[in-house]
Amino acid sequence: MKKIIISVKFPLLLAVLCAGAYVAAQVTTRLASTSAAPRAFVPYTLEQHTVARTKTGALEVTEQRIIAVRSDGSEVWLGTFPGRQAMGPIRRLVRSNGWTTIALEKISARISQMLPAREQQARHEKVLDAAKQCRFPYETPVGTGTLLGTRVSVSEYSQSPDRRDTNWRALDYECAVIATRHERLRDSKWTVDVESVPVLFAGGEPTAELFDEGFYNQLQEMPPSEAQRRIYAALNITETQCPRCFNPTTAGKLDSDYFSAQASKK
């Protein structure tokens, strides 16, 4: 399962500022392909807490996230970071046509571009997994059950003998990922490295406030490199502390994709 923030570290900010890559890594729901026939999605609102292991070995909540999906396929993700208020809330709005905006409230900035067609198609195809008990071929079935009153399919996947991922997907909500757990084998025992824990799940159309375009319109549109510069300044992150955060090649690639997307919209 790819959708999880393990911890708020410097390199993560690069992913946040790359709208396409970040959306690809973070989306838990599906978006219909632009080539697919319009259809209704199953709407819901999910709140999750990401719990990660710190350097001391203790587990702590590193992110509180709300995910809301409407029947037209549009989706909002809103993340806040306890203990790291300098990060500020980060929002992402994926509209029904695939046009996506990431809002960085700390610096009053937004980054907008189209979700790549291949990712839209992947989300459309994922809906079809509902007929397959919401499992991928490489996963091992664990069973089914209920989580917060929602029917779920539970599956496991091991990338290596000492790592194990478990996913809980909602059978009645097009395989939306309700919870995840990433574990590592230590001293012959499985221990949690990071997990995404659901605290609320509600079917039905989410509140319209989460999708308010007025909020995004009040922010300044800017390319990823400028947003990166501003947020690192706000967090007092220097090139000495994190050289790869200031890699000009990476910034150039992000901006190239961004300006191409902006031009295609006009």
C-alpha atoms as a PDB file:
ATOM      1  CA  MET A   1       0.000   0.000   0.000  1.00  0.00           C
ATOM      2  CA  LYS A   2       1.547   3.284  -1.112  1.00  0.00           C
ATOM      3  CA  LYS A   3      -0.671   5.814   0.536  1.00  0.00           C
ATOM      4  CA  ILE A   4       0.928   6.793   3.799  1.00  0.00           C
ATOM      5  CA  ILE A   5       3.217   9.423   5.225  1.00  0.00           C
ATOM      6  CA  ILE A   6       5.730   7.598   7.357  1.00  0.00           C
ATOM      7  CA  SER A   7       7.112  10.723   8.993  1.00  0.00           C
ATOM      8  CA  VAL A   8       7.494  14.399   8.268  1.00  0.00           C
ATOM      9  CA  LYS A   9      11.099  14.644   7.136  1.00  0.00           C
ATOM     10  CA  PHE A  10      12.837  17.019   4.747  1.00  0.00           C
ATOM     11  CA  PRO A  11      12.695  14.792   1.641  1.00  0.00           C
ATOM     12  CA  LEU A  12       8.933  14.442   2.049  1.00  0.00           C
ATOM     13  CA  LEU A  13       8.507  18.124   1.264  1.00  0.00           C
ATOM     14  CA  LEU A  14       9.809  17.496  -2.228  1.00  0.00           C
ATOM     15  CA  ALA A  15       7.046  14.958  -2.730  1.00  0.00           C
ATOM     16  CA  VAL A  16       4.474  17.375  -1.347  1.00  0.00           C
ATOM     17  CA  LEU A  17       5.525  19.980  -3.864  1.00  0.00           C
ATOM     18  CA  CYS A  18       5.296  17.619  -6.811  1.00  0.00           C
ATOM     19  CA  ALA A  19       1.553  17.535  -7.402  1.00  0.00           C
ATOM     20  CA  GLY A  20       1.590  14.617  -9.804  1.00  0.00           C
ATOM     21  CA  ALA A  21       3.936  12.365  -7.860  1.00  0.00           C
ATOM     22  CA  TYR A  22       2.459  13.274  -4.512  1.00  0.00           C
ATOM     23  CA  VAL A  23      -1.083  12.604  -5.656  1.00  0.00           C
ATOM     24  CA  ALA A  24       0.018   9.278  -7.122  1.00  0.00           C
ATOM     25  CA  ALA A  25       1.541   8.262  -3.804  1.00  0.00           C
ATOM     26  CA  GLN A  26      -1.234   9.570  -1.583  1.00  0.00           C
ATOM     27  CA  VAL A  27      -4.571   8.821  -3.210  1.00  0.00           C
ATOM     28  CA  THR A  28      -6.569   6.130  -1.425  1.00  0.00           C
ATOM     29  CA  THR A  29      -9.575   6.279  -3.676  1.00  0.00           C
ATOM     30  CA  ARG A  30     -10.242   6.048  -7.361  1.00  0.00           C
ATOM     31  CA  LEU A  31     -10.739   8.649 -10.054  1.00  0.00           C
ATOM     32  CA  ALA A  32     -12.412   7.648 -13.298  1.00  0.00           C
ATOM     33  CA  SER A  33     -10.306   7.878 -16.429  1.00  0.00           C
ATOM     34  CA  THR A  34     -11.065  10.817 -18.690  1.00  0.00           C
ATOM     35  CA  SER A  35     -11.646   8.228 -21.414  1.00  0.00           C
ATOM     36  CA  ALA A  36     -14.112   6.266 -19.307  1.00  0.00           C
ATOM     37  CA  ALA A  37     -17.846   6.871 -19.374  1.00  0.00           C
ATOM     38  CA  PRO A  38     -19.101   9.185 -16.588  1.00  0.00           C
ATOM     39  CA  ARG A  39     -20.489   7.286 -13.634  1.00  0.00           C
ATOM     40  CA  ALA A  40     -21.384   7.753 -10.007  1.00  0.00           C
ATOM     41  CA  PHE A  41     -18.906   6.972  -7.251  1.00  0.00           C
ATOM     42  CA  VAL A  42     -19.807   5.775  -3.776  1.00  0.00           C
ATOM     43  CA  PRO A  43     -19.302   8.823  -1.518  1.00  0.00           C
ATOM     44  CA  TYR A  44     -17.807   8.707   1.961  1.00  0.00           C
ATOM     45  CA  THR A  45     -15.709  10.544   4.547  1.00  0.00           C
ATOM     46  CA  LEU A  46     -12.765   8.876   6.297  1.00  0.00           C
ATOM     47  CA  GLU A  47     -10.568  10.173   9.092  1.00  0.00           C
ATOM     48  CA  GLN A  48      -7.270   8.407   9.748  1.00  0.00           C
ATOM     49  CA  HIS A  49      -4.387   8.897  12.143  1.00  0.00           C
ATOM     50  CA  THR A  50      -0.913   7.915  10.972  1.00  0.00           C
ATOM     51  CA  VAL A  51       1.137   6.399  13.786  1.00  0.00           C
ATOM     52  CA  ALA A  52       4.881   6.019  13.171  1.00  0.00           C
ATOM     53  CA  ARG A  53       7.842   4.763  15.150  1.00  0.00           C
ATOM     54  CA  THR A  54      10.278   7.467  16.275  1.00  0.00           C
ATOM     55  CA  LYS A  55      14.043   7.204  16.632  1.00  0.00           C
ATOM     56  CA  THR A  56      13.563   6.226  20.268  1.00  0.00           C
ATOM     57  CA  GLY A  57      11.356   3.316  19.262  1.00  0.00           C
ATOM     58  CA  ALA A  58       8.139   4.869  20.558  1.00  0.00           C
ATOM     59  CA  LEU A  59       5.037   5.205  18.382  1.00  0.00           C
ATOM     60  CA  GLU A  60       3.499   8.630  17.916  1.00  0.00           C
ATOM     61  CA  VAL A  61       0.793  10.231  15.783  1.00  0.00           C
ATOM     62  CA  THR A  62       2.556  12.041  12.937  1.00  0.00           C
ATOM     63  CA  GLU A  63      -0.464  12.969  10.852  1.00  0.00           C
ATOM     64  CA  GLN A  64      -4.215  13.379  11.168  1.00  0.00           C
ATOM     65  CA  ARG A  65      -5.898  13.021   7.791  1.00  0.00           C
ATOM     66  CA  ILE A  66      -9.402  13.477   6.403  1.00  0.00           C
ATOM     67  CA  ILE A  67     -10.287  11.920   3.042  1.00  0.00           C
ATOM     68  CA  ALA A  68     -13.608  12.798   1.445  1.00  0.00           C
ATOM     69  CA  VAL A  69     -15.009  11.471  -1.830  1.00  0.00           C
ATOM     70  CA  ARG A  70     -18.113  12.741  -3.618  1.00  0.00           C
ATOM     71  CA  SER A  71     -20.368  10.838  -5.999  1.00  0.00           C
ATOM     72  CA  ASP A  72     -18.964  12.785  -8.959  1.00  0.00           C
ATOM     73  CA  GLY A  73     -15.499  11.314  -8.233  1.00  0.00           C
ATOM     74  CA  SER A  74     -13.942  14.462  -6.817  1.00  0.00           C
ATOM     75  CA  GLU A  75     -11.823  13.973  -3.712  1.00  0.00           C
ATOM     76  CA  VAL A  76     -10.295  16.040  -0.932  1.00  0.00           C
ATOM     77  CA  TRP A  77      -7.419  15.088   1.326  1.00  0.00           C
ATOM     78  CA  LEU A  78      -6.644  17.293   4.353  1.00  0.00           C
ATOM     79  CA  GLY A  79      -3.623  16.544   6.520  1.00  0.00           C
ATOM     80  CA  THR A  80      -2.465  18.161   9.741  1.00  0.00           C
ATOM     81  CA  PHE A  81       0.709  17.281  11.615  1.00  0.00           C
ATOM     82  CA  PRO A  82       0.620  17.212  15.444  1.00  0.00           C
ATOM     83  CA  GLY A  83       3.822  18.489  16.999  1.00  0.00           C
ATOM     84  CA  ARG A  84       4.924  19.954  13.670  1.00  0.00           C
ATOM     85  CA  GLN A  85       2.754  23.027  13.406  1.00  0.00           C
ATOM     86  CA  ALA A  86       5.321  24.708  11.170  1.00  0.00           C
ATOM     87  CA  MET A  87       4.195  22.350   8.431  1.00  0.00           C
ATOM     88  CA  GLY A  88       0.716  23.823   8.545  1.00  0.00           C
ATOM     89  CA  PRO A  89      -2.300  21.992   7.104  1.00  0.00           C
ATOM     90  CA  ILE A  90      -1.813  20.585   3.612  1.00  0.00           C
ATOM     91  CA  ARG A  91      -4.812  19.994   1.363  1.00  0.00           C
ATOM     92  CA  ARG A  92      -5.250  18.310  -1.973  1.00  0.00           C
ATOM     93  CA  LEU A  93      -8.327  18.626  -4.167  1.00  0.00           C
ATOM     94  CA  VAL A  94      -8.785  16.249  -7.104  1.00  0.00           C
ATOM     95  CA  ARG A  95     -11.690  17.456  -9.218  1.00  0.00           C
ATOM     96  CA  SER A  96     -13.901  15.127 -11.222  1.00  0.00           C
ATOM     97  CA  ASN A  97     -12.086  16.082 -14.450  1.00  0.00           C
ATOM     98  CA  GLY A  98      -8.674  15.246 -12.971  1.00  0.00           C
ATOM     99  CA  TRP A  99      -7.464  18.830 -12.417  1.00  0.00           C
ATOM    100  CA  THR A 100      -5.652  18.708  -9.082  1.00  0.00           C
ATOM    101  CA  THR A 101      -4.617  21.409  -6.620  1.00  0.00           C
ATOM    102  CA  ILE A 102      -2.341  21.055  -3.609  1.00  0.00           C
ATOM    103  CA  ALA A 103      -2.752  23.824  -1.028  1.00  0.00           C
ATOM    104  CA  LEU A 104       0.108  24.700   1.322  1.00  0.00           C
ATOM    105  CA  GLU A 105      -1.607  26.854   3.926  1.00  0.00           C
ATOM    106  CA  LYS A 106       1.591  27.701   5.788  1.00  0.00           C
ATOM    107  CA  ILE A 107       2.819  29.793   2.859  1.00  0.00           C
ATOM    108  CA  SER A 108      -0.598  30.643   1.325  1.00  0.00           C
ATOM    109  CA  ALA A 109       0.368  28.834  -1.869  1.00  0.00           C
ATOM    110  CA  ARG A 110      -1.229  26.412  -4.279  1.00  0.00           C
ATOM    111  CA  ILE A 111       0.166  24.141  -7.006  1.00  0.00           C
ATOM    112  CA  SER A 112      -2.229  22.960  -9.715  1.00  0.00           C
ATOM    113  CA  GLN A 113      -1.877  20.485 -12.561  1.00  0.00           C
ATOM    114  CA  MET A 114      -3.690  17.620 -14.249  1.00  0.00           C
ATOM    115  CA  LEU A 115      -3.535  14.176 -12.738  1.00  0.00           C
ATOM    116  CA  PRO A 116      -1.709  12.107 -15.394  1.00  0.00           C
ATOM    117  CA  ALA A 117      -4.023  10.025 -17.561  1.00  0.00           C
ATOM    118  CA  ARG A 118      -2.241   6.800 -16.613  1.00  0.00           C
ATOM    119  CA  GLU A 119      -2.970   7.462 -12.931  1.00  0.00           C
ATOM    120  CA  GLN A 120      -6.595   8.302 -13.642  1.00  0.00           C
ATOM    121  CA  GLN A 121      -6.911   5.052 -15.561  1.00  0.00           C
ATOM    122  CA  ALA A 122      -5.262   3.114 -12.728  1.00  0.00           C
ATOM    123  CA  ARG A 123      -7.839   4.459 -10.295  1.00  0.00           C
ATOM    124  CA  HIS A 124     -10.654   3.559 -12.634  1.00  0.00           C
ATOM    125  CA  GLU A 125      -9.331   0.023 -12.960  1.00  0.00           C
ATOM    126  CA  LYS A 126      -8.945  -0.301  -9.206  1.00  0.00           C
ATOM    127  CA  VAL A 127     -12.708   0.020  -8.881  1.00  0.00           C
ATOM    128  CA  LEU A 128     -13.001  -3.267 -10.732  1.00  0.00           C
ATOM    129  CA  ASP A 129     -11.091  -4.976  -7.916  1.00  0.00           C
ATOM    130  CA  ALA A 130     -14.246  -4.794  -5.811  1.00  0.00           C
ATOM    131  CA  ALA A 131     -15.470  -7.877  -7.666  1.00  0.00           C
ATOM    132  CA  LYS A 132     -12.234  -9.635  -6.695  1.00  0.00           C
ATOM    133  CA  GLN A 133     -12.564  -9.092  -2.942  1.00  0.00           C
ATOM    134  CA  CYS A 134     -10.461  -5.932  -3.275  1.00  0.00           C
ATOM    135  CA  ARG A 135      -7.174  -7.800  -3.585  1.00  0.00           C
ATOM    136  CA  PHE A 136      -4.262  -7.603  -5.950  1.00  0.00           C
ATOM    137  CA  PRO A 137      -2.900 -10.853  -7.434  1.00  0.00           C
ATOM    138  CA  TYR A 138       0.335 -10.606  -5.457  1.00  0.00           C
ATOM    139  CA  GLU A 139      -1.441 -10.307  -2.090  1.00  0.00           C
ATOM    140  CA  THR A 140      -2.313 -13.059   0.351  1.00  0.00           C
ATOM    141  CA  PRO A 141      -5.936 -13.103   1.543  1.00  0.00           C
ATOM    142  CA  VAL A 142      -6.375 -12.888   5.301  1.00  0.00           C
ATOM    143  CA  GLY A 143     -10.158 -12.787   5.372  1.00  0.00           C
ATOM    144  CA  THR A 144     -13.063 -10.382   5.672  1.00  0.00           C
ATOM    145  CA  GLY A 145     -14.626  -8.537   8.576  1.00  0.00           C
ATOM    146  CA  THR A 146     -15.955  -5.168   9.664  1.00  0.00           C
ATOM    147  CA  LEU A 147     -14.119  -2.008  10.638  1.00  0.00           C
ATOM    148  CA  LEU A 148     -16.034   0.972  12.011  1.00  0.00           C
ATOM    149  CA  GLY A 149     -19.189  -0.730  10.833  1.00  0.00           C
ATOM    150  CA  THR A 150     -17.918  -1.141   7.271  1.00  0.00           C
ATOM    151  CA  ARG A 151     -17.347  -4.467   5.519  1.00  0.00           C
ATOM    152  CA  VAL A 152     -13.660  -4.902   4.714  1.00  0.00           C
ATOM    153  CA  SER A 153     -11.370  -7.306   2.918  1.00  0.00           C
ATOM    154  CA  VAL A 154      -8.033  -7.914   4.646  1.00  0.00           C
ATOM    155  CA  SER A 155      -4.904  -8.763   2.648  1.00  0.00           C
ATOM    156  CA  GLU A 156      -1.178  -9.072   3.291  1.00  0.00           C
ATOM    157  CA  TYR A 157       1.867  -8.498   1.142  1.00  0.00           C
ATOM    158  CA  SER A 158       5.549  -9.140   1.937  1.00  0.00           C
ATOM    159  CA  GLN A 159       8.165  -7.189  -0.008  1.00  0.00           C
ATOM    160  CA  SER A 160      10.862  -9.221   1.764  1.00  0.00           C
ATOM    161  CA  PRO A 161      10.956 -11.937   4.449  1.00  0.00           C
ATOM    162  CA  ASP A 162      11.351  -9.336   7.210  1.00  0.00           C
ATOM    163  CA  ARG A 163       8.645  -6.905   6.047  1.00  0.00           C
ATOM    164  CA  ARG A 164       4.881  -7.256   5.958  1.00  0.00           C
ATOM    165  CA  ASP A 165       2.097  -4.912   4.839  1.00  0.00           C
ATOM    166  CA  THR A 166      -1.551  -5.420   5.768  1.00  0.00           C
ATOM    167  CA  ASN A 167      -4.435  -3.541   4.111  1.00  0.00           C
ATOM    168  CA  TRP A 168      -8.097  -3.235   5.060  1.00  0.00           C
ATOM    169  CA  ARG A 169     -10.213  -2.245   2.019  1.00  0.00           C
ATOM    170  CA  ALA A 170     -13.899  -1.337   2.071  1.00  0.00           C
ATOM    171  CA  LEU A 171     -15.900  -3.824   0.004  1.00  0.00           C
ATOM    172  CA  ASP A 172     -18.898  -1.518  -0.409  1.00  0.00           C
ATOM    173  CA  TYR A 173     -16.852   1.606  -1.183  1.00  0.00           C
ATOM    174  CA  GLU A 174     -14.909   0.564  -4.264  1.00  0.00           C
ATOM    175  CA  CYS A 175     -11.954  -0.812  -2.329  1.00  0.00           C
ATOM    176  CA  ALA A 176     -11.179   2.389  -0.448  1.00  0.00           C
ATOM    177  CA  VAL A 177      -8.265   1.702   1.915  1.00  0.00           C
ATOM    178  CA  ILE A 178      -9.628   2.110   5.433  1.00  0.00           C
ATOM    179  CA  ALA A 179      -6.481   1.092   7.316  1.00  0.00           C
ATOM    180  CA  THR A 180      -2.920  -0.047   6.667  1.00  0.00           C
ATOM    181  CA  ARG A 181      -0.134  -1.515   8.766  1.00  0.00           C
ATOM    182  CA  HIS A 182       3.566  -1.799   7.897  1.00  0.00           C
ATOM    183  CA  GLU A 183       5.522  -4.218  10.081  1.00  0.00           C
ATOM    184  CA  ARG A 184       9.107  -5.410  10.358  1.00  0.00           C
ATOM    185  CA  LEU A 185      10.463  -8.652  11.801  1.00  0.00           C
ATOM    186  CA  ARG A 186      12.750  -7.910  14.736  1.00  0.00           C
ATOM    187  CA  ASP A 187      14.138 -10.590  17.055  1.00  0.00           C
ATOM    188  CA  SER A 188      11.673 -13.104  15.586  1.00  0.00           C
ATOM    189  CA  LYS A 189       8.717 -10.812  16.390  1.00  0.00           C
ATOM    190  CA  TRP A 190       6.615  -8.644  14.081  1.00  0.00           C
ATOM    191  CA  THR A 191       6.612  -5.025  15.243  1.00  0.00           C
ATOM    192  CA  VAL A 192       4.739  -2.056  13.782  1.00  0.00           C
ATOM    193  CA  ASP A 193       6.817   0.585  12.000  1.00  0.00           C
ATOM    194  CA  VAL A 194       3.907   2.696  10.822  1.00  0.00           C
ATOM    195  CA  GLU A 195       0.177   2.294  10.511  1.00  0.00           C
ATOM    196  CA  SER A 196      -2.794   4.308   9.370  1.00  0.00           C
ATOM    197  CA  VAL A 197      -5.588   3.924  11.918  1.00  0.00           C
ATOM    198  CA  PRO A 198      -9.198   4.863  11.089  1.00  0.00           C
ATOM    199  CA  VAL A 199     -11.082   6.875  13.698  1.00  0.00           C
ATOM    200  CA  LEU A 200     -14.182   7.751  11.637  1.00  0.00           C
ATOM    201  CA  PHE A 201     -15.884   6.373   8.556  1.00  0.00           C
ATOM    202  CA  ALA A 202     -19.208   7.700   7.271  1.00  0.00           C
ATOM    203  CA  GLY A 203     -20.971   6.841   4.038  1.00  0.00           C
ATOM    204  CA  GLY A 204     -22.815   9.525   2.085  1.00  0.00           C
ATOM    205  CA  GLU A 205     -21.893  12.851   0.535  1.00  0.00           C
ATOM    206  CA  PRO A 206     -19.206  14.687   2.542  1.00  0.00           C
ATOM    207  CA  THR A 207     -19.601  18.265   3.726  1.00  0.00           C
ATOM    208  CA  ALA A 208     -19.409  20.797   0.883  1.00  0.00           C
ATOM    209  CA  GLU A 209     -17.034  22.957   2.925  1.00  0.00           C
ATOM    210  CA  LEU A 210     -14.158  20.603   2.197  1.00  0.00           C
ATOM    211  CA  PHE A 211     -14.590  21.230  -1.553  1.00  0.00           C
ATOM    212  CA  ASP A 212     -14.951  25.023  -1.382  1.00  0.00           C
ATOM    213  CA  GLU A 213     -13.145  26.450  -4.415  1.00  0.00           C
ATOM    214  CA  GLY A 214     -13.092  29.842  -2.691  1.00  0.00           C
ATOM    215  CA  PHE A 215     -10.494  28.556  -0.258  1.00  0.00           C
ATOM    216  CA  TYR A 216      -8.123  27.551  -3.076  1.00  0.00           C
ATOM    217  CA  ASN A 217      -8.761  30.732  -5.058  1.00  0.00           C
ATOM    218  CA  GLN A 218      -7.483  32.914  -2.226  1.00  0.00           C
ATOM    219  CA  LEU A 219      -4.072  31.219  -2.365  1.00  0.00           C
ATOM    220  CA  GLN A 220      -1.262  32.243  -4.715  1.00  0.00           C
ATOM    221  CA  GLU A 221      -0.594  29.872  -7.597  1.00  0.00           C
ATOM    222  CA  MET A 222       3.119  29.127  -7.989  1.00  0.00           C
ATOM    223  CA  PRO A 223       5.487  26.532  -9.465  1.00  0.00           C
ATOM    224  CA  PRO A 224       6.892  23.801  -7.202  1.00  0.00           C
ATOM    225  CA  SER A 225      10.382  25.313  -7.012  1.00  0.00           C
ATOM    226  CA  GLU A 226       9.059  28.587  -5.572  1.00  0.00           C
ATOM    227  CA  ALA A 227       6.769  26.795  -3.143  1.00  0.00           C
ATOM    228  CA  GLN A 228       9.713  24.630  -2.117  1.00  0.00           C
ATOM    229  CA  ARG A 229      11.880  27.684  -1.489  1.00  0.00           C
ATOM    230  CA  ARG A 230       9.221  29.346   0.643  1.00  0.00           C
ATOM    231  CA  ILE A 231       8.304  26.361   2.766  1.00  0.00           C
ATOM    232  CA  TYR A 232      11.932  25.500   3.488  1.00  0.00           C
ATOM    233  CA  ALA A 233      12.490  29.110   4.528  1.00  0.00           C
ATOM    234  CA  ALA A 234       9.437  28.952   6.802  1.00  0.00           C
ATOM    235  CA  LEU A 235      10.821  25.774   8.393  1.00  0.00           C
ATOM    236  CA  ASN A 236      14.368  27.178   8.617  1.00  0.00           C
ATOM    237  CA  ILE A 237      15.736  24.318   6.546  1.00  0.00           C
ATOM    238  CA  THR A 238      19.077  25.068   4.917  1.00  0.00           C
ATOM    239  CA  GLU A 239      20.993  23.416   2.092  1.00  0.00           C
ATOM    240  CA  THR A 240      23.626  22.362   4.611  1.00  0.00           C
ATOM    241  CA  GLN A 241      21.018  20.461   6.605  1.00  0.00           C
ATOM    242  CA  CYS A 242      19.440  18.803   3.579  1.00  0.00           C
ATOM    243  CA  PRO A 243      21.480  19.030   0.344  1.00  0.00           C
ATOM    244  CA  ARG A 244      19.120  16.833  -1.683  1.00  0.00           C
ATOM    245  CA  CYS A 245      16.205  19.105  -0.774  1.00  0.00           C
ATOM    246  CA  PHE A 246      17.844  21.799  -2.890  1.00  0.00           C
ATOM    247  CA  ASN A 247      18.800  19.633  -5.870  1.00  0.00           C
ATOM    248  CA  PRO A 248      18.374  21.924  -8.929  1.00  0.00           C
ATOM    249  CA  THR A 249      17.802  18.954 -11.245  1.00  0.00           C
ATOM    250  CA  THR A 250      14.842  17.785  -9.175  1.00  0.00           C
ATOM    251  CA  ALA A 251      13.397  21.283  -8.945  1.00  0.00           C
ATOM    252  CA  GLY A 252      13.800  21.739 -12.691  1.00  0.00           C
ATOM    253  CA  LYS A 253      11.922  18.520 -13.434  1.00  0.00           C
ATOM    254  CA  LEU A 254       9.085  19.493 -11.102  1.00  0.00           C
ATOM    255  CA  ASP A 255       8.757  22.895 -12.746  1.00  0.00           C
ATOM    256  CA  SER A 256       8.897  21.418 -16.248  1.00  0.00           C
ATOM    257  CA  ASP A 257       5.972  19.104 -15.519  1.00  0.00           C
ATOM    258  CA  TYR A 258       4.093  21.925 -13.813  1.00  0.00           C
ATOM    259  CA  PHE A 259       4.419  24.426 -16.671  1.00  0.00           C
ATOM    260  CA  SER A 260       3.493  21.768 -19.224  1.00  0.00           C
ATOM    261  CA  ALA A 261       0.315  21.038 -17.261  1.00  0.00           C
ATOM    262  CA  GLN A 262      -0.508  24.726 -16.950  1.00  0.00           C
ATOM    263  CA  ALA A 263      -0.060  25.239 -20.676  1.00  0.00           C
ATOM    264  CA  SER A 264      -2.271  22.259 -21.538  1.00  0.00           C
ATOM    265  CA  LYS A 265      -5.145  23.735 -19.521  1.00  0.00           C
ATOM    266  CA  LYS A 266      -5.208  26.984 -21.496  1.00  0.00           C
END
